[in-house]
């Protein structure tokens, strides 16, 4: 069985305060689950824990419709996982 770390070796972080304009072929633009106060489509990467990166497509990310990075046709976010209390509800 492959280690989970191997799946993420190809992650390339977006530089802080840079608005993504294009995504290299064969990769997807992904951001984390953080939604800081004042979040908007041009919210800068690096503020208040908001991070973004490109990676090869992977089942651990899903299409996001938050409006961030409007210059990119489609972006993704880390898929939400249920914690034990939610899974039992």
N, C-alpha and C. Protein backbone atom coordinates (compact mmCIF):
# COMPACT_ATOMS: atom_id res chain seq x y z
N UNK A 1 0.84 -1.19 0.00
CA UNK A 1 0.00 0.00 0.00
C UNK A 1 0.88 1.25 0.00
N UNK A 2 0.55 2.21 -0.86
CA UNK A 2 1.31 3.45 -0.93
C UNK A 2 1.01 4.32 0.27
N UNK A 3 2.00 5.04 0.73
CA UNK A 3 1.78 6.00 1.80
C UNK A 3 1.00 7.18 1.28
N UNK A 4 0.18 7.77 2.12
CA UNK A 4 -0.61 8.94 1.74
C UNK A 4 0.29 10.09 1.28
N UNK A 5 1.47 10.22 1.87
CA UNK A 5 2.39 11.29 1.50
C UNK A 5 2.78 11.21 0.03
N UNK A 6 2.86 10.02 -0.53
CA UNK A 6 3.23 9.86 -1.93
C UNK A 6 2.22 10.52 -2.86
N UNK A 7 0.96 10.55 -2.44
CA UNK A 7 -0.09 11.14 -3.27
C UNK A 7 0.08 12.65 -3.42
N UNK A 8 0.72 13.28 -2.46
CA UNK A 8 0.83 14.73 -2.43
C UNK A 8 2.22 15.24 -2.80
N UNK A 9 3.09 14.38 -3.33
CA UNK A 9 4.45 14.81 -3.66
C UNK A 9 4.49 15.90 -4.72
N UNK A 10 3.53 15.93 -5.58
CA UNK A 10 3.53 16.86 -6.69
C UNK A 10 2.84 18.19 -6.38
N UNK A 11 2.62 18.50 -5.13
CA UNK A 11 1.98 19.76 -4.75
C UNK A 11 2.95 20.92 -4.97
N UNK A 12 2.44 21.98 -5.60
CA UNK A 12 3.22 23.20 -5.82
C UNK A 12 2.40 24.37 -5.29
N UNK A 13 2.86 24.98 -4.21
CA UNK A 13 2.10 26.05 -3.57
C UNK A 13 2.10 27.33 -4.40
N UNK A 14 0.97 28.03 -4.37
CA UNK A 14 0.83 29.34 -5.01
C UNK A 14 1.53 30.35 -4.10
N UNK A 15 2.32 31.21 -4.69
CA UNK A 15 3.04 32.21 -3.89
C UNK A 15 2.07 33.13 -3.17
N UNK A 16 2.48 33.59 -2.02
CA UNK A 16 1.64 34.50 -1.23
C UNK A 16 1.36 35.78 -2.00
N UNK A 17 0.15 36.26 -1.85
CA UNK A 17 -0.32 37.53 -2.43
C UNK A 17 -0.34 37.54 -3.95
N UNK A 18 -0.39 36.37 -4.57
CA UNK A 18 -0.47 36.25 -6.02
C UNK A 18 -1.85 35.72 -6.39
N UNK A 19 -2.52 36.39 -7.32
CA UNK A 19 -3.82 35.92 -7.79
C UNK A 19 -3.58 34.96 -8.96
N UNK A 20 -3.99 33.70 -8.82
CA UNK A 20 -3.77 32.73 -9.90
C UNK A 20 -4.49 33.15 -11.18
N UNK A 21 -3.78 33.07 -12.29
CA UNK A 21 -4.34 33.44 -13.59
C UNK A 21 -4.48 32.26 -14.55
N UNK A 22 -3.62 31.25 -14.37
CA UNK A 22 -3.70 30.06 -15.21
C UNK A 22 -3.16 28.87 -14.43
N UNK A 23 -3.52 27.69 -14.89
CA UNK A 23 -3.11 26.45 -14.24
C UNK A 23 -2.39 25.60 -15.28
N UNK A 24 -1.22 25.08 -14.97
CA UNK A 24 -0.51 24.23 -15.93
C UNK A 24 -1.33 23.01 -16.35
N UNK A 25 -1.16 22.60 -17.58
CA UNK A 25 -1.86 21.43 -18.11
C UNK A 25 -1.59 20.20 -17.25
N UNK A 26 -2.63 19.43 -16.98
CA UNK A 26 -2.50 18.21 -16.19
C UNK A 26 -2.54 18.44 -14.69
N UNK A 27 -2.81 19.69 -14.28
CA UNK A 27 -2.86 20.02 -12.85
C UNK A 27 -4.18 20.73 -12.55
N UNK A 28 -4.54 20.80 -11.28
CA UNK A 28 -5.73 21.53 -10.86
C UNK A 28 -5.32 22.51 -9.76
N UNK A 29 -6.05 23.63 -9.67
CA UNK A 29 -5.83 24.62 -8.63
C UNK A 29 -6.72 24.26 -7.45
N UNK A 30 -6.12 24.18 -6.26
CA UNK A 30 -6.83 23.74 -5.05
C UNK A 30 -6.58 24.75 -3.93
N UNK A 31 -7.60 24.98 -3.10
CA UNK A 31 -7.37 25.76 -1.89
C UNK A 31 -7.86 24.98 -0.68
N UNK A 32 -7.43 25.41 0.50
CA UNK A 32 -7.81 24.72 1.72
C UNK A 32 -9.23 25.11 2.15
N UNK A 33 -9.64 24.65 3.30
CA UNK A 33 -11.00 24.86 3.80
C UNK A 33 -11.19 26.19 4.50
N UNK A 34 -10.15 26.97 4.68
CA UNK A 34 -10.22 28.23 5.42
C UNK A 34 -11.04 29.27 4.67
N UNK A 35 -12.00 29.91 5.37
CA UNK A 35 -12.79 31.01 4.82
C UNK A 35 -12.68 32.18 5.80
N UNK A 36 -11.64 33.01 5.66
CA UNK A 36 -11.45 34.11 6.60
C UNK A 36 -12.58 35.14 6.52
N UNK A 37 -12.72 35.92 7.58
CA UNK A 37 -13.67 37.02 7.57
C UNK A 37 -13.30 37.95 6.42
N UNK A 38 -14.27 38.35 5.64
CA UNK A 38 -14.01 39.23 4.50
C UNK A 38 -13.60 38.48 3.24
N UNK A 39 -13.76 37.15 3.22
CA UNK A 39 -13.38 36.36 2.04
C UNK A 39 -14.14 36.86 0.82
N UNK A 40 -13.44 36.99 -0.29
CA UNK A 40 -14.03 37.44 -1.55
C UNK A 40 -13.26 36.81 -2.71
N UNK A 41 -13.74 36.95 -3.94
CA UNK A 41 -13.07 36.28 -5.07
C UNK A 41 -11.60 36.61 -5.26
N UNK A 42 -11.18 37.80 -4.89
CA UNK A 42 -9.77 38.16 -5.07
C UNK A 42 -8.98 38.08 -3.76
N UNK A 43 -9.46 37.30 -2.80
CA UNK A 43 -8.79 37.18 -1.50
C UNK A 43 -7.38 36.64 -1.70
N UNK A 44 -6.38 37.28 -1.13
CA UNK A 44 -4.99 36.86 -1.38
C UNK A 44 -4.58 35.59 -0.63
N UNK A 45 -3.86 34.77 -1.32
CA UNK A 45 -3.28 33.57 -0.72
C UNK A 45 -2.28 34.02 0.34
N UNK A 46 -2.29 33.36 1.47
CA UNK A 46 -1.34 33.66 2.53
C UNK A 46 -1.92 34.44 3.69
N UNK A 47 -3.08 35.06 3.53
CA UNK A 47 -3.69 35.82 4.62
C UNK A 47 -4.57 34.90 5.45
N UNK A 48 -4.48 35.03 6.75
CA UNK A 48 -5.37 34.36 7.71
C UNK A 48 -5.51 32.85 7.49
N UNK A 49 -4.44 32.21 7.08
CA UNK A 49 -4.46 30.76 6.92
C UNK A 49 -4.98 30.26 5.59
N UNK A 50 -5.37 31.17 4.69
CA UNK A 50 -5.87 30.75 3.37
C UNK A 50 -4.68 30.36 2.50
N UNK A 51 -4.66 29.12 2.01
CA UNK A 51 -3.56 28.61 1.19
C UNK A 51 -4.10 28.00 -0.09
N UNK A 52 -3.28 28.01 -1.13
CA UNK A 52 -3.67 27.42 -2.41
C UNK A 52 -2.44 26.77 -3.05
N UNK A 53 -2.70 25.80 -3.92
CA UNK A 53 -1.63 25.08 -4.59
C UNK A 53 -2.17 24.44 -5.85
N UNK A 54 -1.26 23.95 -6.69
CA UNK A 54 -1.66 23.13 -7.84
C UNK A 54 -1.17 21.72 -7.57
N UNK A 55 -1.88 20.77 -8.13
CA UNK A 55 -1.52 19.37 -7.98
C UNK A 55 -2.16 18.58 -9.12
N UNK A 56 -1.76 17.34 -9.27
CA UNK A 56 -2.42 16.47 -10.24
C UNK A 56 -3.81 16.14 -9.70
N UNK A 57 -4.80 15.96 -10.57
CA UNK A 57 -6.15 15.63 -10.10
C UNK A 57 -6.12 14.44 -9.15
N UNK A 58 -6.93 14.50 -8.10
CA UNK A 58 -6.94 13.47 -7.07
C UNK A 58 -8.33 13.40 -6.43
N UNK A 59 -8.78 12.22 -6.02
CA UNK A 59 -10.12 12.11 -5.42
C UNK A 59 -10.30 12.85 -4.10
N UNK A 60 -9.23 13.32 -3.49
CA UNK A 60 -9.35 14.02 -2.22
C UNK A 60 -9.76 15.49 -2.38
N UNK A 61 -9.95 15.95 -3.62
CA UNK A 61 -10.39 17.32 -3.86
C UNK A 61 -11.67 17.30 -4.68
N UNK A 62 -12.49 18.33 -4.49
CA UNK A 62 -13.75 18.44 -5.22
C UNK A 62 -13.90 19.83 -5.80
N UNK A 63 -14.71 19.95 -6.84
CA UNK A 63 -14.95 21.24 -7.49
C UNK A 63 -15.52 22.22 -6.47
N UNK A 64 -15.01 23.44 -6.48
CA UNK A 64 -15.47 24.48 -5.55
C UNK A 64 -16.15 25.59 -6.34
N UNK A 65 -17.21 26.13 -5.77
CA UNK A 65 -17.96 27.19 -6.44
C UNK A 65 -18.01 28.46 -5.59
N UNK A 66 -16.95 28.72 -4.83
CA UNK A 66 -16.93 29.87 -3.93
C UNK A 66 -16.67 31.19 -4.65
N UNK A 67 -16.21 31.13 -5.90
CA UNK A 67 -15.96 32.36 -6.66
C UNK A 67 -14.53 32.86 -6.57
N UNK A 68 -13.70 32.22 -5.75
CA UNK A 68 -12.31 32.64 -5.63
C UNK A 68 -11.58 32.37 -6.94
N UNK A 69 -10.57 33.14 -7.24
CA UNK A 69 -9.74 33.01 -8.45
C UNK A 69 -10.59 33.06 -9.72
N UNK A 70 -11.29 34.18 -9.94
CA UNK A 70 -12.19 34.29 -11.09
C UNK A 70 -11.50 34.20 -12.45
N UNK A 71 -10.19 34.37 -12.50
CA UNK A 71 -9.48 34.29 -13.78
C UNK A 71 -9.19 32.84 -14.20
N UNK A 72 -9.43 31.91 -13.29
CA UNK A 72 -9.23 30.48 -13.58
C UNK A 72 -10.60 29.86 -13.84
N UNK A 73 -10.70 29.09 -14.90
CA UNK A 73 -12.00 28.53 -15.30
C UNK A 73 -12.64 27.70 -14.20
N UNK A 74 -11.86 26.87 -13.53
CA UNK A 74 -12.39 25.99 -12.48
C UNK A 74 -11.31 25.79 -11.43
N UNK A 75 -11.73 25.75 -10.18
CA UNK A 75 -10.79 25.42 -9.11
C UNK A 75 -11.45 24.43 -8.15
N UNK A 76 -10.66 23.89 -7.26
CA UNK A 76 -11.10 22.83 -6.36
C UNK A 76 -10.76 23.19 -4.93
N UNK A 77 -11.34 22.46 -4.00
CA UNK A 77 -10.98 22.62 -2.59
C UNK A 77 -10.83 21.25 -1.98
N UNK A 78 -10.12 21.20 -0.88
CA UNK A 78 -9.93 19.95 -0.17
C UNK A 78 -11.30 19.43 0.24
N UNK A 79 -11.58 18.17 -0.06
CA UNK A 79 -12.88 17.59 0.28
C UNK A 79 -13.03 17.52 1.79
N UNK A 80 -14.20 17.83 2.25
CA UNK A 80 -14.48 17.80 3.69
C UNK A 80 -14.67 16.37 4.15
N UNK A 81 -14.06 16.05 5.25
CA UNK A 81 -14.21 14.71 5.82
C UNK A 81 -15.07 14.82 7.06
N UNK A 82 -15.94 13.86 7.26
CA UNK A 82 -16.77 13.86 8.44
C UNK A 82 -15.97 13.41 9.66
N UNK A 83 -16.16 14.10 10.77
CA UNK A 83 -15.53 13.58 11.99
C UNK A 83 -16.47 12.53 12.59
N UNK A 84 -16.04 11.88 13.63
CA UNK A 84 -16.81 10.76 14.19
C UNK A 84 -18.21 11.17 14.63
N UNK A 85 -18.37 12.34 15.22
CA UNK A 85 -19.69 12.76 15.70
C UNK A 85 -20.65 12.99 14.53
N UNK A 86 -20.16 13.54 13.41
CA UNK A 86 -21.00 13.74 12.24
C UNK A 86 -21.35 12.42 11.58
N UNK A 87 -20.40 11.50 11.53
CA UNK A 87 -20.62 10.21 10.88
C UNK A 87 -21.68 9.39 11.62
N UNK A 88 -21.78 9.55 12.95
CA UNK A 88 -22.74 8.80 13.73
C UNK A 88 -24.12 9.44 13.76
N UNK A 89 -24.21 10.69 13.39
CA UNK A 89 -25.50 11.42 13.44
C UNK A 89 -26.45 10.95 12.36
